[in-house]
Amino acid sequence: MDNTQLLLTVILTVTTFFMILIGIQLIFVLKELRTALKKINNIIEGFEKVGINLEHGFHEFVGFFTGFKTIFKIFEHLSSKKNGKQK
């Protein structure tokens, strides 16, 4: 085996070794990225639940005041009938 073939074999072996190490490190990074994305997804789902609960509470609050508004309209209508101010 002459020097050129020996040098190419050594370089190819070292390059293959480094590529295997880089591949293994890439697998670890992708696993950590997956767990981070799962945590972010859980946080986003939590915010979504809070937002839905706030929206539901707001609708109940608006409904409550709409009921009061209706009651005041009924009282106004009844008092105008009593006073003879028929509309």
N, C-alpha and C. Protein backbone atom coordinates (compact mmCIF):
# COMPACT_ATOMS: atom_id res chain seq x y z
N MET A 1 0.85 -1.16 0.00
CA MET A 1 0.00 0.00 0.00
C MET A 1 0.91 1.24 0.00
N ASP A 2 0.69 2.11 -0.93
CA ASP A 2 1.54 3.31 -0.96
C ASP A 2 0.95 4.39 -0.05
N ASN A 3 1.63 5.47 0.10
CA ASN A 3 1.28 6.52 1.06
C ASN A 3 -0.06 7.18 0.76
N THR A 4 -0.38 7.37 -0.50
CA THR A 4 -1.64 8.03 -0.88
C THR A 4 -2.83 7.19 -0.44
N GLN A 5 -2.79 5.91 -0.69
CA GLN A 5 -3.89 5.04 -0.26
C GLN A 5 -4.01 4.99 1.25
N LEU A 6 -2.89 4.94 1.95
CA LEU A 6 -2.90 4.92 3.40
C LEU A 6 -3.49 6.22 3.95
N LEU A 7 -3.09 7.36 3.40
CA LEU A 7 -3.60 8.65 3.83
C LEU A 7 -5.10 8.76 3.57
N LEU A 8 -5.57 8.32 2.42
CA LEU A 8 -7.01 8.35 2.11
C LEU A 8 -7.80 7.45 3.05
N THR A 9 -7.26 6.30 3.39
CA THR A 9 -7.94 5.38 4.30
C THR A 9 -8.05 5.99 5.69
N VAL A 10 -6.97 6.60 6.17
CA VAL A 10 -6.98 7.23 7.49
C VAL A 10 -7.96 8.40 7.51
N ILE A 11 -7.93 9.24 6.49
CA ILE A 11 -8.83 10.40 6.43
C ILE A 11 -10.28 9.94 6.35
N LEU A 12 -10.55 8.92 5.56
CA LEU A 12 -11.91 8.40 5.45
C LEU A 12 -12.38 7.80 6.76
N THR A 13 -11.51 7.11 7.48
CA THR A 13 -11.86 6.53 8.78
C THR A 13 -12.14 7.62 9.81
N VAL A 14 -11.30 8.64 9.87
CA VAL A 14 -11.49 9.74 10.82
C VAL A 14 -12.77 10.51 10.48
N THR A 15 -12.99 10.76 9.20
CA THR A 15 -14.20 11.47 8.78
C THR A 15 -15.45 10.66 9.13
N THR A 16 -15.43 9.38 8.91
CA THR A 16 -16.56 8.52 9.25
C THR A 16 -16.82 8.54 10.74
N PHE A 17 -15.77 8.48 11.55
CA PHE A 17 -15.90 8.52 12.99
C PHE A 17 -16.55 9.83 13.44
N PHE A 18 -16.08 10.96 12.89
CA PHE A 18 -16.66 12.25 13.26
C PHE A 18 -18.12 12.37 12.80
N MET A 19 -18.43 11.84 11.65
CA MET A 19 -19.82 11.89 11.17
C MET A 19 -20.74 11.07 12.06
N ILE A 20 -20.26 9.94 12.55
CA ILE A 20 -21.04 9.13 13.48
C ILE A 20 -21.28 9.90 14.77
N LEU A 21 -20.23 10.56 15.30
CA LEU A 21 -20.38 11.37 16.52
C LEU A 21 -21.36 12.52 16.31
N ILE A 22 -21.28 13.18 15.17
CA ILE A 22 -22.20 14.28 14.88
C ILE A 22 -23.63 13.75 14.77
N GLY A 23 -23.82 12.60 14.17
CA GLY A 23 -25.16 12.00 14.07
C GLY A 23 -25.74 11.68 15.44
N ILE A 24 -24.91 11.12 16.32
CA ILE A 24 -25.39 10.79 17.67
C ILE A 24 -25.76 12.06 18.43
N GLN A 25 -24.92 13.10 18.32
CA GLN A 25 -25.23 14.37 18.98
C GLN A 25 -26.50 14.99 18.41
N LEU A 26 -26.71 14.86 17.12
CA LEU A 26 -27.92 15.38 16.48
C LEU A 26 -29.16 14.66 17.01
N ILE A 27 -29.07 13.37 17.23
CA ILE A 27 -30.19 12.61 17.80
C ILE A 27 -30.51 13.13 19.20
N PHE A 28 -29.48 13.38 20.02
CA PHE A 28 -29.72 13.91 21.37
C PHE A 28 -30.35 15.30 21.34
N VAL A 29 -29.88 16.14 20.44
CA VAL A 29 -30.44 17.49 20.32
C VAL A 29 -31.90 17.42 19.88
N LEU A 30 -32.21 16.56 18.94
CA LEU A 30 -33.59 16.43 18.47
C LEU A 30 -34.51 15.90 19.57
N LYS A 31 -34.00 14.99 20.41
CA LYS A 31 -34.80 14.49 21.53
C LYS A 31 -35.09 15.62 22.53
N GLU A 32 -34.07 16.43 22.83
CA GLU A 32 -34.28 17.56 23.75
C GLU A 32 -35.24 18.58 23.16
N LEU A 33 -35.12 18.81 21.87
CA LEU A 33 -36.04 19.73 21.19
C LEU A 33 -37.47 19.21 21.26
N ARG A 34 -37.63 17.92 21.12
CA ARG A 34 -38.97 17.32 21.21
C ARG A 34 -39.57 17.52 22.60
N THR A 35 -38.78 17.29 23.64
CA THR A 35 -39.31 17.48 25.00
C THR A 35 -39.61 18.95 25.26
N ALA A 36 -38.77 19.85 24.73
CA ALA A 36 -39.03 21.29 24.91
C ALA A 36 -40.32 21.69 24.21
N LEU A 37 -40.54 21.17 23.01
CA LEU A 37 -41.76 21.48 22.28
C LEU A 37 -43.00 20.92 22.98
N LYS A 38 -42.87 19.75 23.61
CA LYS A 38 -44.00 19.21 24.37
C LYS A 38 -44.33 20.12 25.55
N LYS A 39 -43.30 20.62 26.25
CA LYS A 39 -43.53 21.53 27.37
C LYS A 39 -44.18 22.83 26.90
N ILE A 40 -43.70 23.36 25.79
CA ILE A 40 -44.29 24.58 25.24
C ILE A 40 -45.74 24.34 24.85
N ASN A 41 -46.02 23.18 24.28
CA ASN A 41 -47.39 22.84 23.90
C ASN A 41 -48.29 22.77 25.13
N ASN A 42 -47.79 22.20 26.22
CA ASN A 42 -48.59 22.15 27.46
C ASN A 42 -48.86 23.54 28.00
N ILE A 43 -47.86 24.42 27.93
CA ILE A 43 -48.05 25.79 28.39
C ILE A 43 -49.10 26.50 27.53
N ILE A 44 -49.02 26.31 26.23
CA ILE A 44 -49.99 26.95 25.33
C ILE A 44 -51.39 26.42 25.58
N GLU A 45 -51.52 25.12 25.82
CA GLU A 45 -52.83 24.55 26.14
C GLU A 45 -53.37 25.14 27.43
N GLY A 46 -52.49 25.36 28.41
CA GLY A 46 -52.92 25.97 29.67
C GLY A 46 -53.44 27.38 29.45
N PHE A 47 -52.73 28.18 28.65
CA PHE A 47 -53.19 29.52 28.33
C PHE A 47 -54.52 29.49 27.58
N GLU A 48 -54.66 28.50 26.70
CA GLU A 48 -55.91 28.37 25.95
C GLU A 48 -57.07 28.07 26.90
N LYS A 49 -56.85 27.19 27.87
CA LYS A 49 -57.90 26.88 28.84
C LYS A 49 -58.27 28.11 29.66
N VAL A 50 -57.25 28.88 30.07
CA VAL A 50 -57.52 30.10 30.83
C VAL A 50 -58.32 31.08 29.98
N GLY A 51 -57.94 31.22 28.72
CA GLY A 51 -58.65 32.13 27.82
C GLY A 51 -60.09 31.71 27.61
N ILE A 52 -60.33 30.42 27.47
CA ILE A 52 -61.70 29.92 27.29
C ILE A 52 -62.51 30.18 28.55
N ASN A 53 -61.90 29.96 29.72
CA ASN A 53 -62.61 30.21 30.98
C ASN A 53 -62.92 31.69 31.14
N LEU A 54 -61.98 32.56 30.77
CA LEU A 54 -62.23 34.00 30.85
C LEU A 54 -63.34 34.42 29.89
N GLU A 55 -63.32 33.83 28.70
CA GLU A 55 -64.36 34.15 27.73
C GLU A 55 -65.72 33.71 28.24
N HIS A 56 -65.78 32.53 28.82
CA HIS A 56 -67.04 32.02 29.37
C HIS A 56 -67.52 32.92 30.51
N GLY A 57 -66.61 33.32 31.38
CA GLY A 57 -66.96 34.21 32.48
C GLY A 57 -67.44 35.57 31.98
N PHE A 58 -66.78 36.08 30.93
CA PHE A 58 -67.19 37.36 30.36
C PHE A 58 -68.59 37.26 29.78
N HIS A 59 -68.89 36.15 29.10
CA HIS A 59 -70.23 35.97 28.54
C HIS A 59 -71.28 35.90 29.65
N GLU A 60 -70.94 35.25 30.73
CA GLU A 60 -71.88 35.20 31.86
C GLU A 60 -72.07 36.60 32.45
N PHE A 61 -71.00 37.37 32.55
CA PHE A 61 -71.07 38.73 33.09
C PHE A 61 -71.94 39.60 32.19
N VAL A 62 -71.76 39.51 30.89
CA VAL A 62 -72.56 40.29 29.95
C VAL A 62 -74.02 39.85 30.01
N GLY A 63 -74.25 38.56 30.12
CA GLY A 63 -75.62 38.05 30.24
C GLY A 63 -76.29 38.55 31.51
N PHE A 64 -75.55 38.63 32.59
CA PHE A 64 -76.08 39.12 33.86
C PHE A 64 -76.54 40.57 33.72
N PHE A 65 -75.70 41.41 33.11
CA PHE A 65 -76.08 42.81 32.96
C PHE A 65 -77.15 43.00 31.89
N THR A 66 -77.20 42.13 30.92
CA THR A 66 -78.29 42.19 29.94
C THR A 66 -79.61 41.88 30.63
N GLY A 67 -79.60 40.95 31.56
CA GLY A 67 -80.79 40.65 32.35
C GLY A 67 -81.23 41.85 33.17
N PHE A 68 -80.27 42.53 33.80
CA PHE A 68 -80.61 43.74 34.55
C PHE A 68 -81.21 44.81 33.64
N LYS A 69 -80.63 44.95 32.46
CA LYS A 69 -81.13 45.93 31.50
C LYS A 69 -82.57 45.61 31.11
N THR A 70 -82.86 44.35 30.91
CA THR A 70 -84.22 43.93 30.56
C THR A 70 -85.18 44.21 31.71
N ILE A 71 -84.74 43.93 32.92
CA ILE A 71 -85.60 44.19 34.10
C ILE A 71 -85.89 45.68 34.21
N PHE A 72 -84.90 46.54 34.00
CA PHE A 72 -85.12 47.98 34.07
C PHE A 72 -86.06 48.45 32.96
N LYS A 73 -85.98 47.84 31.78
CA LYS A 73 -86.91 48.20 30.70
C LYS A 73 -88.34 47.82 31.07
N ILE A 74 -88.48 46.65 31.71
CA ILE A 74 -89.82 46.22 32.13
C ILE A 74 -90.37 47.19 33.17
N PHE A 75 -89.54 47.57 34.17
CA PHE A 75 -89.98 48.53 35.18
C PHE A 75 -90.34 49.87 34.54
N GLU A 76 -89.54 50.29 33.58
CA GLU A 76 -89.80 51.56 32.90
C GLU A 76 -91.13 51.49 32.14
N HIS A 77 -91.36 50.38 31.48
CA HIS A 77 -92.60 50.19 30.73
C HIS A 77 -93.80 50.16 31.67
N LEU A 78 -93.67 49.46 32.80
CA LEU A 78 -94.77 49.41 33.76
C LEU A 78 -95.04 50.77 34.40
N SER A 79 -93.97 51.50 34.71
CA SER A 79 -94.18 52.83 35.33
C SER A 79 -94.77 53.82 34.34
N SER A 80 -94.42 53.68 33.06
CA SER A 80 -95.00 54.59 32.07
C SER A 80 -96.46 54.26 31.87
N LYS A 81 -96.87 53.01 32.01
CA LYS A 81 -98.29 52.64 31.92
C LYS A 81 -99.04 53.20 33.10
N LYS A 82 -98.43 53.16 34.28
CA LYS A 82 -99.07 53.66 35.48
C LYS A 82 -99.32 55.16 35.42
N ASN A 83 -98.36 55.86 34.86
CA ASN A 83 -98.45 57.31 34.78
C ASN A 83 -99.29 57.78 33.59
N GLY A 84 -99.71 56.87 32.76
CA GLY A 84 -100.53 57.20 31.61
C GLY A 84 -99.73 57.69 30.42
N LYS A 85 -98.47 57.46 30.42
CA LYS A 85 -97.61 57.88 29.31
C LYS A 85 -97.40 56.70 28.36
N GLN A 86 -98.43 56.23 27.79
CA GLN A 86 -98.35 55.08 26.88
C GLN A 86 -97.53 55.47 25.65
N LYS A 87 -96.55 54.66 25.30
CA LYS A 87 -95.70 54.99 24.14
C LYS A 87 -96.31 54.51 22.85
